[in-house]
Amino acid sequence: MTALLSPPGLSGLAHARDMLGAAARVPLWSLTDRQLAVEVADAIALRAQADVAARV
């Protein structure tokens, strides 16, 4: 999907899916406790944003 053919929100969703896929390939054991805490906090914030977007 290209940004030229899609509304900005949809191309943003495609980018988010790509980034989530990349994050899923990082082995959790390779992260420090602090890095893991930051990633979990970011995931929770992303989920909250997705929940809000789904209600709009």
PDB file of N, CA and C in Angstrom:
ATOM      1  N   MET A   1       0.851  -1.174   0.000  1.00  0.00           N
ATOM      2  CA  MET A   1       0.000   0.000   0.000  1.00  0.00           C
ATOM      3  C   MET A   1       0.897   1.237   0.000  1.00  0.00           C
ATOM      4  N   THR A   2       0.604   2.184  -0.840  1.00  0.00           N
ATOM      5  CA  THR A   2       1.417   3.392  -0.894  1.00  0.00           C
ATOM      6  C   THR A   2       0.659   4.566  -0.311  1.00  0.00           C
ATOM      7  N   ALA A   3       1.418   5.522   0.230  1.00  0.00           N
ATOM      8  CA  ALA A   3       0.802   6.707   0.830  1.00  0.00           C
ATOM      9  C   ALA A   3       0.084   7.537  -0.228  1.00  0.00           C
ATOM     10  N   LEU A   4       0.533   7.466  -1.471  1.00  0.00           N
ATOM     11  CA  LEU A   4      -0.100   8.258  -2.528  1.00  0.00           C
ATOM     12  C   LEU A   4      -1.517   7.777  -2.834  1.00  0.00           C
ATOM     13  N   LEU A   5      -1.769   6.516  -2.604  1.00  0.00           N
ATOM     14  CA  LEU A   5      -3.066   5.947  -2.938  1.00  0.00           C
ATOM     15  C   LEU A   5      -3.963   5.744  -1.726  1.00  0.00           C
ATOM     16  N   SER A   6      -3.464   6.036  -0.544  1.00  0.00           N
ATOM     17  CA  SER A   6      -4.212   5.759   0.676  1.00  0.00           C
ATOM     18  C   SER A   6      -4.360   7.016   1.513  1.00  0.00           C
ATOM     19  N   PRO A   7      -5.451   7.115   2.251  1.00  0.00           N
ATOM     20  CA  PRO A   7      -5.557   8.198   3.227  1.00  0.00           C
ATOM     21  C   PRO A   7      -4.424   8.066   4.243  1.00  0.00           C
ATOM     22  N   PRO A   8      -3.958   9.172   4.808  1.00  0.00           N
ATOM     23  CA  PRO A   8      -2.820   9.110   5.745  1.00  0.00           C
ATOM     24  C   PRO A   8      -3.019   8.121   6.895  1.00  0.00           C
ATOM     25  N   GLY A   9      -4.230   8.017   7.405  1.00  0.00           N
ATOM     26  CA  GLY A   9      -4.462   7.084   8.506  1.00  0.00           C
ATOM     27  C   GLY A   9      -4.201   5.646   8.113  1.00  0.00           C
ATOM     28  N   LEU A  10      -4.590   5.276   6.909  1.00  0.00           N
ATOM     29  CA  LEU A  10      -4.391   3.888   6.473  1.00  0.00           C
ATOM     30  C   LEU A  10      -2.929   3.588   6.209  1.00  0.00           C
ATOM     31  N   SER A  11      -2.202   4.530   5.617  1.00  0.00           N
ATOM     32  CA  SER A  11      -0.781   4.277   5.390  1.00  0.00           C
ATOM     33  C   SER A  11      -0.056   4.233   6.728  1.00  0.00           C
ATOM     34  N   GLY A  12      -0.546   4.997   7.712  1.00  0.00           N
ATOM     35  CA  GLY A  12       0.026   4.936   9.049  1.00  0.00           C
ATOM     36  C   GLY A  12      -0.197   3.588   9.694  1.00  0.00           C
ATOM     37  N   LEU A  13      -1.363   3.000   9.450  1.00  0.00           N
ATOM     38  CA  LEU A  13      -1.643   1.675   9.995  1.00  0.00           C
ATOM     39  C   LEU A  13      -0.721   0.625   9.380  1.00  0.00           C
ATOM     40  N   ALA A  14      -0.477   0.740   8.097  1.00  0.00           N
ATOM     41  CA  ALA A  14       0.439  -0.202   7.438  1.00  0.00           C
ATOM     42  C   ALA A  14       1.838  -0.085   8.045  1.00  0.00           C
ATOM     43  N   HIS A  15       2.260   1.143   8.288  1.00  0.00           N
ATOM     44  CA  HIS A  15       3.578   1.368   8.900  1.00  0.00           C
ATOM     45  C   HIS A  15       3.600   0.777  10.316  1.00  0.00           C
ATOM     46  N   ALA A  16       2.536   0.982  11.069  1.00  0.00           N
ATOM     47  CA  ALA A  16       2.466   0.438  12.426  1.00  0.00           C
ATOM     48  C   ALA A  16       2.545  -1.089  12.398  1.00  0.00           C
ATOM     49  N   ARG A  17       1.852  -1.718  11.445  1.00  0.00           N
ATOM     50  CA  ARG A  17       1.921  -3.182  11.325  1.00  0.00           C
ATOM     51  C   ARG A  17       3.344  -3.638  11.028  1.00  0.00           C
ATOM     52  N   ASP A  18       4.020  -2.910  10.145  1.00  0.00           N
ATOM     53  CA  ASP A  18       5.410  -3.258   9.822  1.00  0.00           C
ATOM     54  C   ASP A  18       6.306  -3.148  11.055  1.00  0.00           C
ATOM     55  N   MET A  19       6.123  -2.086  11.823  1.00  0.00           N
ATOM     56  CA  MET A  19       6.946  -1.874  13.016  1.00  0.00           C
ATOM     57  C   MET A  19       6.651  -2.934  14.079  1.00  0.00           C
ATOM     58  N   LEU A  20       5.381  -3.312  14.227  1.00  0.00           N
ATOM     59  CA  LEU A  20       5.038  -4.362  15.187  1.00  0.00           C
ATOM     60  C   LEU A  20       5.651  -5.691  14.773  1.00  0.00           C
ATOM     61  N   GLY A  21       5.648  -5.959  13.482  1.00  0.00           N
ATOM     62  CA  GLY A  21       6.274  -7.183  12.986  1.00  0.00           C
ATOM     63  C   GLY A  21       7.756  -7.210  13.294  1.00  0.00           C
ATOM     64  N   ALA A  22       8.430  -6.077  13.097  1.00  0.00           N
ATOM     65  CA  ALA A  22       9.864  -5.996  13.395  1.00  0.00           C
ATOM     66  C   ALA A  22      10.109  -6.179  14.891  1.00  0.00           C
ATOM     67  N   ALA A  23       9.268  -5.561  15.712  1.00  0.00           N
ATOM     68  CA  ALA A  23       9.428  -5.681  17.163  1.00  0.00           C
ATOM     69  C   ALA A  23       9.212  -7.114  17.619  1.00  0.00           C
ATOM     70  N   ALA A  24       8.295  -7.819  16.986  1.00  0.00           N
ATOM     71  CA  ALA A  24       8.007  -9.197  17.374  1.00  0.00           C
ATOM     72  C   ALA A  24       9.177 -10.131  17.091  1.00  0.00           C
ATOM     73  N   ARG A  25      10.062  -9.735  16.202  1.00  0.00           N
ATOM     74  CA  ARG A  25      11.212 -10.582  15.873  1.00  0.00           C
ATOM     75  C   ARG A  25      12.393 -10.372  16.812  1.00  0.00           C
ATOM     76  N   VAL A  26      12.302  -9.409  17.737  1.00  0.00           N
ATOM     77  CA  VAL A  26      13.391  -9.169  18.691  1.00  0.00           C
ATOM     78  C   VAL A  26      13.204 -10.122  19.870  1.00  0.00           C
ATOM     79  N   PRO A  27      14.192 -10.969  20.135  1.00  0.00           N
ATOM     80  CA  PRO A  27      14.048 -11.894  21.265  1.00  0.00           C
ATOM     81  C   PRO A  27      14.042 -11.122  22.593  1.00  0.00           C
ATOM     82  N   LEU A  28      13.024 -11.357  23.402  1.00  0.00           N
ATOM     83  CA  LEU A  28      12.894 -10.622  24.667  1.00  0.00           C
ATOM     84  C   LEU A  28      14.080 -10.851  25.594  1.00  0.00           C
ATOM     85  N   TRP A  29      14.693 -12.012  25.533  1.00  0.00           N
ATOM     86  CA  TRP A  29      15.823 -12.291  26.418  1.00  0.00           C
ATOM     87  C   TRP A  29      17.011 -11.386  26.124  1.00  0.00           C
ATOM     88  N   SER A  30      17.032 -10.776  24.943  1.00  0.00           N
ATOM     89  CA  SER A  30      18.172  -9.927  24.582  1.00  0.00           C
ATOM     90  C   SER A  30      18.052  -8.513  25.152  1.00  0.00           C
ATOM     91  N   LEU A  31      16.908  -8.194  25.757  1.00  0.00           N
ATOM     92  CA  LEU A  31      16.690  -6.862  26.297  1.00  0.00           C
ATOM     93  C   LEU A  31      17.067  -6.809  27.780  1.00  0.00           C
ATOM     94  N   THR A  32      17.558  -5.637  28.198  1.00  0.00           N
ATOM     95  CA  THR A  32      17.793  -5.439  29.628  1.00  0.00           C
ATOM     96  C   THR A  32      16.434  -5.229  30.307  1.00  0.00           C
ATOM     97  N   ASP A  33      16.420  -5.287  31.628  1.00  0.00           N
ATOM     98  CA  ASP A  33      15.167  -5.055  32.354  1.00  0.00           C
ATOM     99  C   ASP A  33      14.594  -3.680  32.014  1.00  0.00           C
ATOM    100  N   ARG A  34      15.451  -2.678  31.946  1.00  0.00           N
ATOM    101  CA  ARG A  34      14.994  -1.315  31.638  1.00  0.00           C
ATOM    102  C   ARG A  34      14.427  -1.245  30.219  1.00  0.00           C
ATOM    103  N   GLN A  35      15.115  -1.844  29.251  1.00  0.00           N
ATOM    104  CA  GLN A  35      14.620  -1.839  27.869  1.00  0.00           C
ATOM    105  C   GLN A  35      13.271  -2.546  27.780  1.00  0.00           C
ATOM    106  N   LEU A  36      13.145  -3.658  28.471  1.00  0.00           N
ATOM    107  CA  LEU A  36      11.893  -4.399  28.455  1.00  0.00           C
ATOM    108  C   LEU A  36      10.764  -3.575  29.077  1.00  0.00           C
ATOM    109  N   ALA A  37      11.051  -2.881  30.184  1.00  0.00           N
ATOM    110  CA  ALA A  37      10.045  -2.032  30.824  1.00  0.00           C
ATOM    111  C   ALA A  37       9.595  -0.920  29.885  1.00  0.00           C
ATOM    112  N   VAL A  38      10.533  -0.329  29.163  1.00  0.00           N
ATOM    113  CA  VAL A  38      10.194   0.737  28.205  1.00  0.00           C
ATOM    114  C   VAL A  38       9.335   0.173  27.080  1.00  0.00           C
ATOM    115  N   GLU A  39       9.691  -0.997  26.568  1.00  0.00           N
ATOM    116  CA  GLU A  39       8.925  -1.608  25.480  1.00  0.00           C
ATOM    117  C   GLU A  39       7.509  -1.953  25.930  1.00  0.00           C
ATOM    118  N   VAL A  40       7.375  -2.481  27.144  1.00  0.00           N
ATOM    119  CA  VAL A  40       6.046  -2.814  27.661  1.00  0.00           C
ATOM    120  C   VAL A  40       5.215  -1.541  27.820  1.00  0.00           C
ATOM    121  N   ALA A  41       5.811  -0.482  28.369  1.00  0.00           N
ATOM    122  CA  ALA A  41       5.092   0.791  28.529  1.00  0.00           C
ATOM    123  C   ALA A  41       4.667   1.334  27.170  1.00  0.00           C
ATOM    124  N   ASP A  42       5.544   1.238  26.185  1.00  0.00           N
ATOM    125  CA  ASP A  42       5.199   1.700  24.832  1.00  0.00           C
ATOM    126  C   ASP A  42       4.065   0.871  24.238  1.00  0.00           C
ATOM    127  N   ALA A  43       4.094  -0.441  24.469  1.00  0.00           N
ATOM    128  CA  ALA A  43       3.043  -1.314  23.948  1.00  0.00           C
ATOM    129  C   ALA A  43       1.695  -0.985  24.591  1.00  0.00           C
ATOM    130  N   ILE A  44       1.703  -0.704  25.888  1.00  0.00           N
ATOM    131  CA  ILE A  44       0.467  -0.343  26.585  1.00  0.00           C
ATOM    132  C   ILE A  44      -0.077   0.973  26.044  1.00  0.00           C
ATOM    133  N   ALA A  45       0.809   1.949  25.825  1.00  0.00           N
ATOM    134  CA  ALA A  45       0.384   3.240  25.274  1.00  0.00           C
ATOM    135  C   ALA A  45      -0.166   3.075  23.860  1.00  0.00           C
ATOM    136  N   LEU A  46       0.479   2.252  23.053  1.00  0.00           N
ATOM    137  CA  LEU A  46       0.010   2.006  21.693  1.00  0.00           C
ATOM    138  C   LEU A  46      -1.369   1.346  21.714  1.00  0.00           C
ATOM    139  N   ARG A  47      -1.568   0.408  22.608  1.00  0.00           N
ATOM    140  CA  ARG A  47      -2.869  -0.258  22.726  1.00  0.00           C
ATOM    141  C   ARG A  47      -3.953   0.750  23.094  1.00  0.00           C
ATOM    142  N   ALA A  48      -3.629   1.651  24.031  1.00  0.00           N
ATOM    143  CA  ALA A  48      -4.598   2.668  24.445  1.00  0.00           C
ATOM    144  C   ALA A  48      -4.957   3.571  23.271  1.00  0.00           C
ATOM    145  N   GLN A  49      -3.960   3.948  22.476  1.00  0.00           N
ATOM    146  CA  GLN A  49      -4.219   4.785  21.296  1.00  0.00           C
ATOM    147  C   GLN A  49      -5.062   4.035  20.274  1.00  0.00           C
ATOM    148  N   ALA A  50      -4.780   2.765  20.086  1.00  0.00           N
ATOM    149  CA  ALA A  50      -5.564   1.961  19.140  1.00  0.00           C
ATOM    150  C   ALA A  50      -7.004   1.839  19.611  1.00  0.00           C
ATOM    151  N   ASP A  51      -7.200   1.666  20.905  1.00  0.00           N
ATOM    152  CA  ASP A  51      -8.554   1.580  21.450  1.00  0.00           C
ATOM    153  C   ASP A  51      -9.326   2.870  21.202  1.00  0.00           C
ATOM    154  N   VAL A  52      -8.673   4.010  21.387  1.00  0.00           N
ATOM    155  CA  VAL A  52      -9.329   5.300  21.137  1.00  0.00           C
ATOM    156  C   VAL A  52      -9.663   5.442  19.656  1.00  0.00           C
ATOM    157  N   ALA A  53      -8.723   5.073  18.795  1.00  0.00           N
ATOM    158  CA  ALA A  53      -8.953   5.200  17.340  1.00  0.00           C
ATOM    159  C   ALA A  53     -10.098   4.297  16.888  1.00  0.00           C
ATOM    160  N   ALA A  54     -10.239   3.151  17.529  1.00  0.00           N
ATOM    161  CA  ALA A  54     -11.309   2.216  17.157  1.00  0.00           C
ATOM    162  C   ALA A  54     -12.678   2.749  17.533  1.00  0.00           C
ATOM    163  N   ARG A  55     -12.737   3.622  18.525  1.00  0.00           N
ATOM    164  CA  ARG A  55     -14.018   4.181  18.961  1.00  0.00           C
ATOM    165  C   ARG A  55     -14.457   5.376  18.116  1.00  0.00           C
ATOM    166  N   VAL A  56     -13.551   5.903  17.318  1.00  0.00           N
ATOM    167  CA  VAL A  56     -13.885   7.109  16.532  1.00  0.00           C
ATOM    168  C   VAL A  56     -14.674   6.737  15.306  1.00  0.00           C
TER     169      VAL A  56
END
